[in-house]
């Protein structure tokens, strides 16, 4: 997987963490006995049951996906970039306003 795709996924995870969100990461597989879905060693049914009755957004992003990310054009500065946001505008915003 290209490094910039992984970096964009990690940035989404960081944003979720900053919003007091929960996330798990690991290899998705089925348990041999019982057929339960696991991410790493964590059973998904138990993890999801902790949020029962709540409105949630569940993001499922594969770190093994080999598709290239599309190049975008920034609507602010017009530069081309790959990722979640324009790195030039992010740098300028951070310099002027400080980190988020």
PDB file of N, CA and C in Angstrom:
ATOM      1  N   UNK A   1       0.838  -1.174   0.000  1.00  0.00           N
ATOM      2  CA  UNK A   1       0.000   0.000   0.000  1.00  0.00           C
ATOM      3  C   UNK A   1       0.882   1.235   0.000  1.00  0.00           C
ATOM      4  N   UNK A   2       0.543   2.226  -0.819  1.00  0.00           N
ATOM      5  CA  UNK A   2       1.326   3.458  -0.825  1.00  0.00           C
ATOM      6  C   UNK A   2       1.298   4.138   0.547  1.00  0.00           C
ATOM      7  N   UNK A   3       2.434   4.719   0.904  1.00  0.00           N
ATOM      8  CA  UNK A   3       2.573   5.331   2.228  1.00  0.00           C
ATOM      9  C   UNK A   3       1.585   6.471   2.438  1.00  0.00           C
ATOM     10  N   UNK A   4       1.260   7.241   1.396  1.00  0.00           N
ATOM     11  CA  UNK A   4       0.344   8.367   1.598  1.00  0.00           C
ATOM     12  C   UNK A   4      -1.075   7.904   1.886  1.00  0.00           C
ATOM     13  N   UNK A   5      -1.456   6.726   1.394  1.00  0.00           N
ATOM     14  CA  UNK A   5      -2.780   6.198   1.734  1.00  0.00           C
ATOM     15  C   UNK A   5      -2.828   5.806   3.211  1.00  0.00           C
ATOM     16  N   UNK A   6      -1.793   5.117   3.679  1.00  0.00           N
ATOM     17  CA  UNK A   6      -1.731   4.754   5.095  1.00  0.00           C
ATOM     18  C   UNK A   6      -1.712   5.999   5.966  1.00  0.00           C
ATOM     19  N   UNK A   7      -0.964   7.009   5.536  1.00  0.00           N
ATOM     20  CA  UNK A   7      -0.886   8.245   6.319  1.00  0.00           C
ATOM     21  C   UNK A   7      -2.250   8.921   6.415  1.00  0.00           C
ATOM     22  N   UNK A   8      -3.022   8.892   5.336  1.00  0.00           N
ATOM     23  CA  UNK A   8      -4.358   9.497   5.360  1.00  0.00           C
ATOM     24  C   UNK A   8      -5.282   8.730   6.289  1.00  0.00           C
ATOM     25  N   UNK A   9      -5.185   7.399   6.287  1.00  0.00           N
ATOM     26  CA  UNK A   9      -6.001   6.592   7.189  1.00  0.00           C
ATOM     27  C   UNK A   9      -5.606   6.869   8.634  1.00  0.00           C
ATOM     28  N   UNK A  10      -4.309   6.952   8.905  1.00  0.00           N
ATOM     29  CA  UNK A  10      -3.850   7.250  10.272  1.00  0.00           C
ATOM     30  C   UNK A  10      -4.337   8.629  10.710  1.00  0.00           C
ATOM     31  N   UNK A  11      -4.411   9.580   9.776  1.00  0.00           N
ATOM     32  CA  UNK A  11      -4.903  10.914  10.103  1.00  0.00           C
ATOM     33  C   UNK A  11      -6.386  10.857  10.496  1.00  0.00           C
ATOM     34  N   UNK A  12      -7.171  10.038   9.801  1.00  0.00           N
ATOM     35  CA  UNK A  12      -8.576   9.856  10.187  1.00  0.00           C
ATOM     36  C   UNK A  12      -8.689   9.251  11.575  1.00  0.00           C
ATOM     37  N   UNK A  13      -7.832   8.274  11.873  1.00  0.00           N
ATOM     38  CA  UNK A  13      -7.830   7.653  13.200  1.00  0.00           C
ATOM     39  C   UNK A  13      -7.489   8.687  14.260  1.00  0.00           C
ATOM     40  N   UNK A  14      -6.485   9.516  13.979  1.00  0.00           N
ATOM     41  CA  UNK A  14      -6.096  10.560  14.936  1.00  0.00           C
ATOM     42  C   UNK A  14      -7.250  11.528  15.177  1.00  0.00           C
ATOM     43  N   UNK A  15      -7.958  11.893  14.099  1.00  0.00           N
ATOM     44  CA  UNK A  15      -9.103  12.793  14.242  1.00  0.00           C
ATOM     45  C   UNK A  15     -10.195  12.158  15.089  1.00  0.00           C
ATOM     46  N   UNK A  16     -10.444  10.865  14.884  1.00  0.00           N
ATOM     47  CA  UNK A  16     -11.438  10.165  15.699  1.00  0.00           C
ATOM     48  C   UNK A  16     -11.024  10.163  17.160  1.00  0.00           C
ATOM     49  N   UNK A  17      -9.745   9.947  17.422  1.00  0.00           N
ATOM     50  CA  UNK A  17      -9.241   9.949  18.794  1.00  0.00           C
ATOM     51  C   UNK A  17      -9.436  11.317  19.435  1.00  0.00           C
ATOM     52  N   UNK A  18      -9.156  12.387  18.679  1.00  0.00           N
ATOM     53  CA  UNK A  18      -9.313  13.746  19.209  1.00  0.00           C
ATOM     54  C   UNK A  18     -10.769  14.068  19.525  1.00  0.00           C
ATOM     55  N   UNK A  19     -11.710  13.398  18.850  1.00  0.00           N
ATOM     56  CA  UNK A  19     -13.135  13.593  19.105  1.00  0.00           C
ATOM     57  C   UNK A  19     -13.668  12.612  20.137  1.00  0.00           C
ATOM     58  N   UNK A  20     -12.762  11.991  20.893  1.00  0.00           N
ATOM     59  CA  UNK A  20     -13.099  10.989  21.902  1.00  0.00           C
ATOM     60  C   UNK A  20     -13.797   9.779  21.284  1.00  0.00           C
ATOM     61  N   UNK A  21     -13.475   9.501  20.031  1.00  0.00           N
ATOM     62  CA  UNK A  21     -14.010   8.317  19.372  1.00  0.00           C
ATOM     63  C   UNK A  21     -13.207   7.092  19.773  1.00  0.00           C
ATOM     64  N   UNK A  22     -13.743   5.933  19.427  1.00  0.00           N
ATOM     65  CA  UNK A  22     -13.052   4.687  19.727  1.00  0.00           C
ATOM     66  C   UNK A  22     -12.713   4.029  18.408  1.00  0.00           C
ATOM     67  N   UNK A  23     -11.620   3.331  18.393  1.00  0.00           N
ATOM     68  CA  UNK A  23     -11.238   2.625  17.184  1.00  0.00           C
ATOM     69  C   UNK A  23     -10.442   1.394  17.563  1.00  0.00           C
ATOM     70  N   UNK A  24     -10.492   0.420  16.696  1.00  0.00           N
ATOM     71  CA  UNK A  24      -9.663  -0.772  16.857  1.00  0.00           C
ATOM     72  C   UNK A  24      -8.951  -0.994  15.534  1.00  0.00           C
ATOM     73  N   UNK A  25      -7.807  -1.586  15.613  1.00  0.00           N
ATOM     74  CA  UNK A  25      -7.020  -1.846  14.418  1.00  0.00           C
ATOM     75  C   UNK A  25      -6.408  -3.221  14.535  1.00  0.00           C
ATOM     76  N   UNK A  26      -6.392  -3.949  13.468  1.00  0.00           N
ATOM     77  CA  UNK A  26      -5.816  -5.279  13.442  1.00  0.00           C
ATOM     78  C   UNK A  26      -6.354  -6.065  12.264  1.00  0.00           C
ATOM     79  N   UNK A  27      -5.927  -7.272  12.130  1.00  0.00           N
ATOM     80  CA  UNK A  27      -6.349  -8.136  11.033  1.00  0.00           C
ATOM     81  C   UNK A  27      -7.773  -8.635  11.289  1.00  0.00           C
ATOM     82  N   UNK A  28      -8.670  -8.441  10.311  1.00  0.00           N
ATOM     83  CA  UNK A  28     -10.047  -8.912  10.407  1.00  0.00           C
ATOM     84  C   UNK A  28     -10.084 -10.380  10.015  1.00  0.00           C
ATOM     85  N   UNK A  29     -10.649 -11.205  10.888  1.00  0.00           N
ATOM     86  CA  UNK A  29     -10.734 -12.636  10.595  1.00  0.00           C
ATOM     87  C   UNK A  29     -11.880 -13.265  11.383  1.00  0.00           C
ATOM     88  N   UNK A  30     -12.225 -14.485  10.999  1.00  0.00           N
ATOM     89  CA  UNK A  30     -13.249 -15.239  11.724  1.00  0.00           C
ATOM     90  C   UNK A  30     -12.576 -16.232  12.647  1.00  0.00           C
ATOM     91  N   UNK A  31     -13.143 -16.384  13.809  1.00  0.00           N
ATOM     92  CA  UNK A  31     -12.678 -17.364  14.781  1.00  0.00           C
ATOM     93  C   UNK A  31     -12.982 -18.771  14.245  1.00  0.00           C
ATOM     94  N   UNK A  32     -12.027 -19.678  14.365  1.00  0.00           N
ATOM     95  CA  UNK A  32     -12.210 -21.043  13.856  1.00  0.00           C
ATOM     96  C   UNK A  32     -13.404 -21.729  14.514  1.00  0.00           C
ATOM     97  N   UNK A  33     -13.504 -21.605  15.809  1.00  0.00           N
ATOM     98  CA  UNK A  33     -14.630 -22.193  16.543  1.00  0.00           C
ATOM     99  C   UNK A  33     -15.675 -21.113  16.792  1.00  0.00           C
ATOM    100  N   UNK A  34     -16.866 -21.326  16.341  1.00  0.00           N
ATOM    101  CA  UNK A  34     -17.941 -20.364  16.587  1.00  0.00           C
ATOM    102  C   UNK A  34     -18.131 -19.364  15.461  1.00  0.00           C
ATOM    103  N   UNK A  35     -17.110 -19.097  14.692  1.00  0.00           N
ATOM    104  CA  UNK A  35     -17.221 -18.198  13.554  1.00  0.00           C
ATOM    105  C   UNK A  35     -17.417 -16.735  13.882  1.00  0.00           C
ATOM    106  N   UNK A  36     -17.069 -16.305  15.099  1.00  0.00           N
ATOM    107  CA  UNK A  36     -17.207 -14.882  15.453  1.00  0.00           C
ATOM    108  C   UNK A  36     -16.188 -14.054  14.669  1.00  0.00           C
ATOM    109  N   UNK A  37     -16.579 -12.834  14.344  1.00  0.00           N
ATOM    110  CA  UNK A  37     -15.649 -11.912  13.688  1.00  0.00           C
ATOM    111  C   UNK A  37     -14.745 -11.265  14.733  1.00  0.00           C
ATOM    112  N   UNK A  38     -13.446 -11.209  14.438  1.00  0.00           N
ATOM    113  CA  UNK A  38     -12.457 -10.603  15.326  1.00  0.00           C
ATOM    114  C   UNK A  38     -11.623  -9.601  14.543  1.00  0.00           C
ATOM    115  N   UNK A  39     -11.197  -8.553  15.219  1.00  0.00           N
ATOM    116  CA  UNK A  39     -10.172  -7.647  14.694  1.00  0.00           C
ATOM    117  C   UNK A  39      -9.006  -7.805  15.639  1.00  0.00           C
ATOM    118  N   UNK A  40      -7.943  -8.431  15.140  1.00  0.00           N
ATOM    119  CA  UNK A  40      -6.861  -8.824  16.030  1.00  0.00           C
ATOM    120  C   UNK A  40      -7.406  -9.870  16.983  1.00  0.00           C
ATOM    121  N   UNK A  41      -7.346  -9.604  18.277  1.00  0.00           N
ATOM    122  CA  UNK A  41      -7.896 -10.512  19.287  1.00  0.00           C
ATOM    123  C   UNK A  41      -9.201  -9.999  19.890  1.00  0.00           C
ATOM    124  N   UNK A  42      -9.749  -8.915  19.332  1.00  0.00           N
ATOM    125  CA  UNK A  42     -10.927  -8.276  19.906  1.00  0.00           C
ATOM    126  C   UNK A  42     -12.184  -8.731  19.172  1.00  0.00           C
ATOM    127  N   UNK A  43     -13.127  -9.365  19.872  1.00  0.00           N
ATOM    128  CA  UNK A  43     -14.390  -9.776  19.244  1.00  0.00           C
ATOM    129  C   UNK A  43     -15.225  -8.547  18.877  1.00  0.00           C
ATOM    130  N   UNK A  44     -15.655  -8.476  17.624  1.00  0.00           N
ATOM    131  CA  UNK A  44     -16.430  -7.317  17.178  1.00  0.00           C
ATOM    132  C   UNK A  44     -17.776  -7.201  17.883  1.00  0.00           C
ATOM    133  N   UNK A  45     -18.435  -8.310  18.142  1.00  0.00           N
ATOM    134  CA  UNK A  45     -19.743  -8.230  18.784  1.00  0.00           C
ATOM    135  C   UNK A  45     -19.652  -7.588  20.167  1.00  0.00           C
ATOM    136  N   UNK A  46     -18.627  -7.906  20.923  1.00  0.00           N
ATOM    137  CA  UNK A  46     -18.454  -7.301  22.246  1.00  0.00           C
ATOM    138  C   UNK A  46     -18.109  -5.818  22.123  1.00  0.00           C
ATOM    139  N   UNK A  47     -17.250  -5.497  21.162  1.00  0.00           N
ATOM    140  CA  UNK A  47     -16.834  -4.100  20.967  1.00  0.00           C
ATOM    141  C   UNK A  47     -18.026  -3.246  20.550  1.00  0.00           C
ATOM    142  N   UNK A  48     -18.836  -3.777  19.614  1.00  0.00           N
ATOM    143  CA  UNK A  48     -19.991  -3.021  19.141  1.00  0.00           C
ATOM    144  C   UNK A  48     -21.090  -2.940  20.197  1.00  0.00           C
ATOM    145  N   UNK A  49     -21.234  -3.964  21.024  1.00  0.00           N
ATOM    146  CA  UNK A  49     -22.293  -3.959  22.032  1.00  0.00           C
ATOM    147  C   UNK A  49     -22.090  -2.844  23.070  1.00  0.00           C
ATOM    148  N   UNK A  50     -20.875  -2.358  23.222  1.00  0.00           N
ATOM    149  CA  UNK A  50     -20.617  -1.257  24.152  1.00  0.00           C
ATOM    150  C   UNK A  50     -21.283   0.036  23.689  1.00  0.00           C
ATOM    151  N   UNK A  51     -21.649   0.111  22.402  1.00  0.00           N
ATOM    152  CA  UNK A  51     -22.289   1.311  21.856  1.00  0.00           C
ATOM    153  C   UNK A  51     -23.744   1.068  21.467  1.00  0.00           C
ATOM    154  N   UNK A  52     -24.325  -0.008  21.986  1.00  0.00           N
ATOM    155  CA  UNK A  52     -25.698  -0.354  21.625  1.00  0.00           C
ATOM    156  C   UNK A  52     -26.646   0.772  21.997  1.00  0.00           C
ATOM    157  N   UNK A  53     -27.553   1.093  21.086  1.00  0.00           N
ATOM    158  CA  UNK A  53     -28.547   2.130  21.327  1.00  0.00           C
ATOM    159  C   UNK A  53     -28.077   3.532  20.990  1.00  0.00           C
ATOM    160  N   UNK A  54     -26.809   3.704  20.625  1.00  0.00           N
ATOM    161  CA  UNK A  54     -26.270   5.019  20.289  1.00  0.00           C
ATOM    162  C   UNK A  54     -26.214   5.182  18.776  1.00  0.00           C
ATOM    163  N   UNK A  55     -26.274   6.428  18.326  1.00  0.00           N
ATOM    164  CA  UNK A  55     -26.026   6.712  16.919  1.00  0.00           C
ATOM    165  C   UNK A  55     -24.523   6.705  16.720  1.00  0.00           C
ATOM    166  N   UNK A  56     -24.044   5.870  15.798  1.00  0.00           N
ATOM    167  CA  UNK A  56     -22.604   5.775  15.568  1.00  0.00           C
ATOM    168  C   UNK A  56     -22.311   5.855  14.076  1.00  0.00           C
ATOM    169  N   UNK A  57     -21.070   6.128  13.747  1.00  0.00           N
ATOM    170  CA  UNK A  57     -20.547   6.018  12.397  1.00  0.00           C
ATOM    171  C   UNK A  57     -19.425   5.016  12.473  1.00  0.00           C
ATOM    172  N   UNK A  58     -19.492   4.017  11.644  1.00  0.00           N
ATOM    173  CA  UNK A  58     -18.482   2.979  11.645  1.00  0.00           C
ATOM    174  C   UNK A  58     -17.690   3.082  10.351  1.00  0.00           C
ATOM    175  N   UNK A  59     -16.397   3.336  10.447  1.00  0.00           N
ATOM    176  CA  UNK A  59     -15.517   3.392   9.285  1.00  0.00           C
ATOM    177  C   UNK A  59     -14.733   2.100   9.215  1.00  0.00           C
ATOM    178  N   UNK A  60     -14.752   1.482   8.072  1.00  0.00           N
ATOM    179  CA  UNK A  60     -13.982   0.269   7.860  1.00  0.00           C
ATOM    180  C   UNK A  60     -13.041   0.553   6.696  1.00  0.00           C
ATOM    181  N   UNK A  61     -11.763   0.725   6.990  1.00  0.00           N
ATOM    182  CA  UNK A  61     -10.771   1.092   5.983  1.00  0.00           C
ATOM    183  C   UNK A  61      -9.668   0.050   5.958  1.00  0.00           C
ATOM    184  N   UNK A  62      -9.416  -0.504   4.799  1.00  0.00           N
ATOM    185  CA  UNK A  62      -8.387  -1.522   4.676  1.00  0.00           C
ATOM    186  C   UNK A  62      -7.009  -0.889   4.503  1.00  0.00           C
ATOM    187  N   UNK A  63      -6.086  -1.299   5.353  1.00  0.00           N
ATOM    188  CA  UNK A  63      -4.709  -0.844   5.199  1.00  0.00           C
ATOM    189  C   UNK A  63      -3.976  -1.627   4.120  1.00  0.00           C
ATOM    190  N   UNK A  64      -4.609  -2.694   3.597  1.00  0.00           N
ATOM    191  CA  UNK A  64      -4.003  -3.514   2.560  1.00  0.00           C
ATOM    192  C   UNK A  64      -4.470  -3.131   1.166  1.00  0.00           C
ATOM    193  N   UNK A  65      -5.334  -2.143   1.044  1.00  0.00           N
ATOM    194  CA  UNK A  65      -5.874  -1.734  -0.250  1.00  0.00           C
ATOM    195  C   UNK A  65      -4.765  -1.097  -1.088  1.00  0.00           C
ATOM    196  N   UNK A  66      -4.575  -1.579  -2.289  1.00  0.00           N
ATOM    197  CA  UNK A  66      -3.490  -1.108  -3.150  1.00  0.00           C
ATOM    198  C   UNK A  66      -3.923  -0.041  -4.149  1.00  0.00           C
ATOM    199  N   UNK A  67      -5.199   0.352  -4.123  1.00  0.00           N
ATOM    200  CA  UNK A  67      -5.646   1.378  -5.060  1.00  0.00           C
ATOM    201  C   UNK A  67      -4.941   2.696  -4.776  1.00  0.00           C
ATOM    202  N   UNK A  68      -4.478   3.387  -5.808  1.00  0.00           N
ATOM    203  CA  UNK A  68      -3.840   4.690  -5.583  1.00  0.00           C
ATOM    204  C   UNK A  68      -4.893   5.743  -5.224  1.00  0.00           C
ATOM    205  N   UNK A  69      -4.494   6.709  -4.431  1.00  0.00           N
ATOM    206  CA  UNK A  69      -5.392   7.806  -4.091  1.00  0.00           C
ATOM    207  C   UNK A  69      -5.398   8.795  -5.244  1.00  0.00           C
ATOM    208  N   UNK A  70      -6.555   9.405  -5.455  1.00  0.00           N
ATOM    209  CA  UNK A  70      -6.686  10.359  -6.543  1.00  0.00           C
ATOM    210  C   UNK A  70      -6.018  11.676  -6.181  1.00  0.00           C
ATOM    211  N   UNK A  71      -5.411  12.282  -7.182  1.00  0.00           N
ATOM    212  CA  UNK A  71      -4.827  13.604  -6.993  1.00  0.00           C
ATOM    213  C   UNK A  71      -5.967  14.618  -7.018  1.00  0.00           C
ATOM    214  N   UNK A  72      -5.933  15.555  -6.109  1.00  0.00           N
ATOM    215  CA  UNK A  72      -6.971  16.577  -6.005  1.00  0.00           C
ATOM    216  C   UNK A  72      -6.368  17.951  -6.258  1.00  0.00           C
ATOM    217  N   UNK A  73      -7.241  18.901  -6.535  1.00  0.00           N
ATOM    218  CA  UNK A  73      -6.832  20.289  -6.686  1.00  0.00           C
ATOM    219  C   UNK A  73      -7.453  21.075  -5.540  1.00  0.00           C
ATOM    220  N   UNK A  74      -6.630  21.797  -4.807  1.00  0.00           N
ATOM    221  CA  UNK A  74      -7.102  22.572  -3.661  1.00  0.00           C
ATOM    222  C   UNK A  74      -7.982  23.721  -4.143  1.00  0.00           C
ATOM    223  N   UNK A  75      -9.150  23.841  -3.552  1.00  0.00           N
ATOM    224  CA  UNK A  75     -10.090  24.905  -3.927  1.00  0.00           C
ATOM    225  C   UNK A  75      -9.661  26.265  -3.388  1.00  0.00           C
ATOM    226  N   UNK A  76      -8.684  26.286  -2.484  1.00  0.00           N
ATOM    227  CA  UNK A  76      -8.215  27.538  -1.910  1.00  0.00           C
ATOM    228  C   UNK A  76      -7.015  28.096  -2.666  1.00  0.00           C
ATOM    229  N   UNK A  77      -5.967  27.256  -2.816  1.00  0.00           N
ATOM    230  CA  UNK A  77      -4.724  27.747  -3.421  1.00  0.00           C
ATOM    231  C   UNK A  77      -4.479  27.235  -4.838  1.00  0.00           C
ATOM    232  N   UNK A  78      -5.244  26.243  -5.269  1.00  0.00           N
ATOM    233  CA  UNK A  78      -5.105  25.731  -6.625  1.00  0.00           C
ATOM    234  C   UNK A  78      -4.000  24.715  -6.828  1.00  0.00           C
ATOM    235  N   UNK A  79      -3.281  24.355  -5.761  1.00  0.00           N
ATOM    236  CA  UNK A  79      -2.206  23.368  -5.890  1.00  0.00           C
ATOM    237  C   UNK A  79      -2.795  21.961  -5.936  1.00  0.00           C
ATOM    238  N   UNK A  80      -2.080  21.059  -6.605  1.00  0.00           N
ATOM    239  CA  UNK A  80      -2.465  19.659  -6.629  1.00  0.00           C
ATOM    240  C   UNK A  80      -1.876  18.977  -5.402  1.00  0.00           C
ATOM    241  N   UNK A  81      -2.628  18.027  -4.827  1.00  0.00           N
ATOM    242  CA  UNK A  81      -2.157  17.304  -3.650  1.00  0.00           C
ATOM    243  C   UNK A  81      -2.799  15.930  -3.606  1.00  0.00           C
ATOM    244  N   UNK A  82      -2.234  15.063  -2.811  1.00  0.00           N
ATOM    245  CA  UNK A  82      -2.797  13.742  -2.558  1.00  0.00           C
ATOM    246  C   UNK A  82      -2.957  13.617  -1.054  1.00  0.00           C
ATOM    247  N   UNK A  83      -4.143  13.230  -0.608  1.00  0.00           N
ATOM    248  CA  UNK A  83      -4.385  13.071   0.821  1.00  0.00           C
ATOM    249  C   UNK A  83      -5.714  13.666   1.215  1.00  0.00           C
ATOM    250  N   UNK A  84      -5.867  13.887   2.518  1.00  0.00           N
ATOM    251  CA  UNK A  84      -7.126  14.377   3.065  1.00  0.00           C
ATOM    252  C   UNK A  84      -7.284  15.873   2.866  1.00  0.00           C
ATOM    253  N   UNK A  85      -6.192  16.617   3.027  1.00  0.00           N
ATOM    254  CA  UNK A  85      -6.258  18.061   2.854  1.00  0.00           C
ATOM    255  C   UNK A  85      -4.971  18.577   2.235  1.00  0.00           C
ATOM    256  N   UNK A  86      -5.030  19.759   1.688  1.00  0.00           N
ATOM    257  CA  UNK A  86      -3.877  20.366   1.026  1.00  0.00           C
ATOM    258  C   UNK A  86      -2.776  20.622   2.062  1.00  0.00           C
ATOM    259  N   UNK A  87      -1.597  20.033   1.867  1.00  0.00           N
ATOM    260  CA  UNK A  87      -0.535  20.230   2.857  1.00  0.00           C
ATOM    261  C   UNK A  87      -0.044  21.675   2.922  1.00  0.00           C
ATOM    262  N   UNK A  88      -0.077  22.384   1.796  1.00  0.00           N
ATOM    263  CA  UNK A  88       0.355  23.788   1.802  1.00  0.00           C
ATOM    264  C   UNK A  88      -0.593  24.630   2.652  1.00  0.00           C
ATOM    265  N   UNK A  89      -1.896  24.485   2.408  1.00  0.00           N
ATOM    266  CA  UNK A  89      -2.879  25.269   3.174  1.00  0.00           C
ATOM    267  C   UNK A  89      -2.876  24.880   4.646  1.00  0.00           C
ATOM    268  N   UNK A  90      -2.658  23.583   4.944  1.00  0.00           N
ATOM    269  CA  UNK A  90      -2.576  23.137   6.340  1.00  0.00           C
ATOM    270  C   UNK A  90      -1.391  23.797   7.040  1.00  0.00           C
ATOM    271  N   UNK A  91      -0.251  23.866   6.335  1.00  0.00           N
ATOM    272  CA  UNK A  91       0.934  24.496   6.919  1.00  0.00           C
ATOM    273  C   UNK A  91       0.700  25.977   7.184  1.00  0.00           C
ATOM    274  N   UNK A  92       0.080  26.663   6.229  1.00  0.00           N
ATOM    275  CA  UNK A  92      -0.206  28.095   6.398  1.00  0.00           C
ATOM    276  C   UNK A  92      -1.190  28.296   7.543  1.00  0.00           C
ATOM    277  N   UNK A  93      -2.244  27.476   7.594  1.00  0.00           N
ATOM    278  CA  UNK A  93      -3.240  27.583   8.663  1.00  0.00           C
ATOM    279  C   UNK A  93      -2.609  27.356  10.033  1.00  0.00           C
ATOM    280  N   UNK A  94      -1.731  26.360  10.120  1.00  0.00           N
ATOM    281  CA  UNK A  94      -1.055  26.064  11.388  1.00  0.00           C
ATOM    282  C   UNK A  94      -0.141  27.206  11.798  1.00  0.00           C
ATOM    283  N   UNK A  95       0.552  27.753  10.834  1.00  0.00           N
ATOM    284  CA  UNK A  95       1.459  28.862  11.134  1.00  0.00           C
ATOM    285  C   UNK A  95       0.689  30.086  11.608  1.00  0.00           C
ATOM    286  N   UNK A  96      -0.457  30.379  10.999  1.00  0.00           N
ATOM    287  CA  UNK A  96      -1.228  31.575  11.345  1.00  0.00           C
ATOM    288  C   UNK A  96      -2.088  31.396  12.586  1.00  0.00           C
ATOM    289  N   UNK A  97      -2.701  30.202  12.755  1.00  0.00           N
ATOM    290  CA  UNK A  97      -3.646  29.981  13.844  1.00  0.00           C
ATOM    291  C   UNK A  97      -3.131  29.075  14.941  1.00  0.00           C
ATOM    292  N   UNK A  98      -2.080  28.358  14.655  1.00  0.00           N
ATOM    293  CA  UNK A  98      -1.586  27.367  15.605  1.00  0.00           C
ATOM    294  C   UNK A  98      -2.210  26.017  15.297  1.00  0.00           C
ATOM    295  N   UNK A  99      -1.698  24.956  15.925  1.00  0.00           N
ATOM    296  CA  UNK A  99      -2.249  23.617  15.676  1.00  0.00           C
ATOM    297  C   UNK A  99      -3.706  23.548  16.092  1.00  0.00           C
ATOM    298  N   UNK A 100      -4.458  22.654  15.454  1.00  0.00           N
ATOM    299  CA  UNK A 100      -5.906  22.498  15.735  1.00  0.00           C
ATOM    300  C   UNK A 100      -6.169  22.173  17.150  1.00  0.00           C
TER     301      UNK A 100
END
